[in-house]
C-alpha atoms as a PDB file:
ATOM      1  CA  MET A   1      -7.827  -3.731  17.595  1.00  0.00           C
ATOM      2  CA  PRO A   2      -4.256  -4.668  18.072  1.00  0.00           C
ATOM      3  CA  LEU A   3      -1.668  -2.473  16.305  1.00  0.00           C
ATOM      4  CA  PHE A   4       0.005  -3.877  13.118  1.00  0.00           C
ATOM      5  CA  ASP A   5       3.698  -4.196  13.691  1.00  0.00           C
ATOM      6  CA  ASP A   6       6.316  -4.009  10.933  1.00  0.00           C
ATOM      7  CA  THR A   7       6.369  -7.770  10.507  1.00  0.00           C
ATOM      8  CA  SER A   8       2.564  -7.854   9.999  1.00  0.00           C
ATOM      9  CA  LYS A   9       2.749  -4.987   7.542  1.00  0.00           C
ATOM     10  CA  ASN A  10       5.483  -6.738   5.518  1.00  0.00           C
ATOM     11  CA  ILE A  11       3.427  -9.979   5.444  1.00  0.00           C
ATOM     12  CA  ILE A  12       0.372  -8.152   4.050  1.00  0.00           C
ATOM     13  CA  LEU A  13       2.448  -6.158   1.575  1.00  0.00           C
ATOM     14  CA  ASN A  14       4.240  -9.264   0.336  1.00  0.00           C
ATOM     15  CA  PHE A  15       0.958 -11.166   0.007  1.00  0.00           C
ATOM     16  CA  LYS A  16      -0.592  -8.292  -1.988  1.00  0.00           C
ATOM     17  CA  ILE A  17       2.497  -8.029  -4.242  1.00  0.00           C
ATOM     18  CA  GLN A  18       2.325 -11.781  -4.942  1.00  0.00           C
ATOM     19  CA  HIS A  19      -1.442 -11.941  -5.426  1.00  0.00           C
ATOM     20  CA  GLY A  20      -2.115  -8.548  -6.812  1.00  0.00           C
ATOM     21  CA  TYR A  21      -3.249  -5.320  -4.983  1.00  0.00           C
ATOM     22  CA  ASP A  22      -6.879  -6.077  -5.876  1.00  0.00           C
ATOM     23  CA  SER A  23      -6.850  -9.511  -4.394  1.00  0.00           C
ATOM     24  CA  ASN A  24      -9.467  -9.816  -1.639  1.00  0.00           C
ATOM     25  CA  ASP A  25      -8.046 -12.928   0.027  1.00  0.00           C
ATOM     26  CA  TYR A  26      -8.003 -11.427   3.609  1.00  0.00           C
ATOM     27  CA  VAL A  27      -8.904 -14.758   5.025  1.00  0.00           C
ATOM     28  CA  GLY A  28      -5.632 -16.140   3.539  1.00  0.00           C
ATOM     29  CA  ILE A  29      -3.677 -13.276   5.003  1.00  0.00           C
ATOM     30  CA  SER A  30      -5.219 -13.701   8.392  1.00  0.00           C
ATOM     31  CA  ARG A  31      -3.893 -17.286   8.431  1.00  0.00           C
ATOM     32  CA  LEU A  32      -0.451 -15.844   8.201  1.00  0.00           C
ATOM     33  CA  ILE A  33      -0.914 -13.379  11.014  1.00  0.00           C
ATOM     34  CA  PRO A  34      -3.412 -15.096  13.345  1.00  0.00           C
ATOM     35  CA  PRO A  35      -3.998 -12.208  15.856  1.00  0.00           C
ATOM     36  CA  PHE A  36      -5.822 -10.193  13.096  1.00  0.00           C
ATOM     37  CA  THR A  37      -9.213 -10.935  11.552  1.00  0.00           C
ATOM     38  CA  PRO A  38      -9.834 -10.687   7.874  1.00  0.00           C
ATOM     39  CA  LYS A  39     -11.986  -7.535   8.517  1.00  0.00           C
ATOM     40  CA  GLN A  40      -9.129  -5.891  10.461  1.00  0.00           C
ATOM     41  CA  ILE A  41      -6.709  -6.702   7.627  1.00  0.00           C
ATOM     42  CA  ARG A  42      -9.083  -5.406   4.917  1.00  0.00           C
ATOM     43  CA  HIS A  43      -9.720  -2.136   6.888  1.00  0.00           C
ATOM     44  CA  PHE A  44      -6.009  -1.606   7.500  1.00  0.00           C
ATOM     45  CA  TRP A  45      -5.184  -2.280   3.777  1.00  0.00           C
ATOM     46  CA  THR A  46      -7.920  -0.096   2.319  1.00  0.00           C
ATOM     47  CA  ASN A  47      -7.397   2.785   4.590  1.00  0.00           C
ATOM     48  CA  ILE A  48      -3.758   2.916   5.476  1.00  0.00           C
ATOM     49  CA  LEU A  49      -1.289   0.403   3.926  1.00  0.00           C
ATOM     50  CA  ASP A  50      -2.235   0.193   0.308  1.00  0.00           C
ATOM     51  CA  PRO A  51       0.756   2.084  -1.465  1.00  0.00           C
ATOM     52  CA  ARG A  52      -1.658   3.391  -4.136  1.00  0.00           C
ATOM     53  CA  LEU A  53      -3.566   5.486  -1.541  1.00  0.00           C
ATOM     54  CA  ASN A  54      -3.201   9.253  -1.545  1.00  0.00           C
ATOM     55  CA  HIS A  55      -3.277  10.334   2.055  1.00  0.00           C
ATOM     56  CA  SER A  56      -2.884  14.147   1.408  1.00  0.00           C
ATOM     57  CA  CYS A  57      -5.767  16.414   2.282  1.00  0.00           C
ATOM     58  CA  LEU A  58      -8.583  16.667  -0.185  1.00  0.00           C
ATOM     59  CA  ASP A  59      -8.309  19.653  -2.399  1.00  0.00           C
ATOM     60  CA  LYS A  60     -11.221  22.073  -3.066  1.00  0.00           C
ATOM     61  CA  GLU A  61     -12.356  20.392  -6.271  1.00  0.00           C
ATOM     62  CA  GLU A  62     -12.382  16.969  -4.627  1.00  0.00           C
ATOM     63  CA  GLU A  63     -14.490  18.380  -1.706  1.00  0.00           C
ATOM     64  CA  ASP A  64     -16.908  20.113  -4.008  1.00  0.00           C
ATOM     65  CA  TYR A  65     -17.232  17.009  -6.181  1.00  0.00           C
ATOM     66  CA  THR A  66     -17.830  14.802  -3.087  1.00  0.00           C
ATOM     67  CA  VAL A  67     -20.591  17.178  -1.775  1.00  0.00           C
ATOM     68  CA  THR A  68     -22.287  17.310  -5.089  1.00  0.00           C
ATOM     69  CA  TRP A  69     -21.999  13.528  -5.730  1.00  0.00           C
ATOM     70  CA  ILE A  70     -23.531  12.706  -2.283  1.00  0.00           C
ATOM     71  CA  GLU A  71     -26.256  15.386  -2.388  1.00  0.00           C
ATOM     72  CA  ASN A  72     -27.299  14.016  -5.912  1.00  0.00           C
ATOM     73  CA  ARG A  73     -27.608  10.550  -4.505  1.00  0.00           C
ATOM     74  CA  VAL A  74     -28.528  10.768  -0.864  1.00  0.00           C
ATOM     75  CA  LEU A  75     -32.341  10.431  -1.466  1.00  0.00           C
ATOM     76  CA  ASN A  76     -31.633   7.049  -3.190  1.00  0.00           C
ATOM     77  CA  GLY A  77     -30.683   5.326   0.035  1.00  0.00           C
ATOM     78  CA  PRO A  78     -27.385   4.781   1.793  1.00  0.00           C
ATOM     79  CA  ILE A  79     -24.203   6.301   0.395  1.00  0.00           C
ATOM     80  CA  ASN A  80     -22.197   3.847  -1.708  1.00  0.00           C
ATOM     81  CA  TRP A  81     -18.754   4.921  -0.481  1.00  0.00           C
ATOM     82  CA  GLY A  82     -16.946   2.422  -2.772  1.00  0.00           C
ATOM     83  CA  GLU A  83     -18.705   3.841  -5.874  1.00  0.00           C
ATOM     84  CA  LEU A  84     -17.783   7.402  -4.728  1.00  0.00           C
ATOM     85  CA  ILE A  85     -14.159   6.364  -4.223  1.00  0.00           C
ATOM     86  CA  ASN A  86     -14.014   4.901  -7.690  1.00  0.00           C
ATOM     87  CA  ASP A  87     -15.557   7.998  -9.256  1.00  0.00           C
ATOM     88  CA  ILE A  88     -13.027  10.270  -7.433  1.00  0.00           C
ATOM     89  CA  GLN A  89     -10.203   8.022  -8.608  1.00  0.00           C
ATOM     90  CA  GLN A  90     -11.433   8.174 -12.232  1.00  0.00           C
ATOM     91  CA  ARG A  91     -12.041  11.923 -12.174  1.00  0.00           C
ATOM     92  CA  PHE A  92      -8.958  13.114 -10.265  1.00  0.00           C
ATOM     93  CA  GLY A  93      -6.562  10.211 -10.617  1.00  0.00           C
ATOM     94  CA  LYS A  94      -6.258   9.783  -6.832  1.00  0.00           C
ATOM     95  CA  LEU A  95      -7.187   6.720  -4.885  1.00  0.00           C
ATOM     96  CA  ARG A  96      -8.433   8.010  -1.597  1.00  0.00           C
ATOM     97  CA  PRO A  97      -8.977   6.002   1.624  1.00  0.00           C
ATOM     98  CA  LYS A  98     -12.643   5.433   2.365  1.00  0.00           C
ATOM     99  CA  ASN A  99     -12.305   6.830   5.842  1.00  0.00           C
ATOM    100  CA  LYS A 100     -10.791  10.143   4.586  1.00  0.00           C
ATOM    101  CA  ILE A 101     -13.886  10.692   2.336  1.00  0.00           C
ATOM    102  CA  LYS A 102     -16.334   9.634   5.113  1.00  0.00           C
ATOM    103  CA  ASN A 103     -14.565  11.706   7.648  1.00  0.00           C
ATOM    104  CA  PHE A 104     -14.686  14.801   5.446  1.00  0.00           C
ATOM    105  CA  TRP A 105     -18.391  14.285   4.749  1.00  0.00           C
ATOM    106  CA  TYR A 106     -19.487  13.631   8.308  1.00  0.00           C
ATOM    107  CA  SER A 107     -17.372  16.489   9.811  1.00  0.00           C
ATOM    108  CA  ARG A 108     -18.892  18.810   7.193  1.00  0.00           C
ATOM    109  CA  LEU A 109     -22.405  17.569   8.103  1.00  0.00           C
ATOM    110  CA  ARG A 110     -21.794  18.115  11.729  1.00  0.00           C
ATOM    111  CA  ARG A 111     -20.365  21.584  11.186  1.00  0.00           C
ATOM    112  CA  HIS A 112     -23.452  22.599   9.162  1.00  0.00           C
ATOM    113  CA  GLN A 113     -25.789  21.140  11.805  1.00  0.00           C
ATOM    114  CA  ASN A 114     -23.910  23.068  14.522  1.00  0.00           C
ATOM    115  CA  ASP A 115     -24.057  26.277  12.375  1.00  0.00           C
ATOM    116  CA  GLN A 116     -27.806  25.848  12.065  1.00  0.00           C
ATOM    117  CA  TYR A 117     -28.321  25.141  15.812  1.00  0.00           C
ATOM    118  CA  SER A 118     -26.276  28.293  16.685  1.00  0.00           C
ATOM    119  CA  TYR A 119     -28.325  30.365  14.250  1.00  0.00           C
ATOM    120  CA  TYR A 120     -31.686  29.294  15.750  1.00  0.00           C
ATOM    121  CA  HIS A 121     -30.597  29.335  19.377  1.00  0.00           C
ATOM    122  CA  SER A 122     -28.604  32.513  19.604  1.00  0.00           C
END
């Protein structure tokens, strides 16, 4: 994926300001910056550029909430990350990037799997 330069970032921000932050017209934005696909623009917006995003580290309460939330739903099929993000925002007042939550969960999962492997193979 090519890197977004300052001009591309400004085009995306201005479009979102004009059409609303919750606008999902990534096809329209991609027409303004042709090297990028709508999917690349959406990913960049929802994980990096959206000014409402809180990029700081998750605090202990958010981590605990995420673990409990996922463990209570994991048997019902795939994790609905969008629903979890909305629940975290409502509960803690922080809009988190989807990748931050997913990275926390999967790194925690790997850490626990490695701990179990070490326990049984030591």
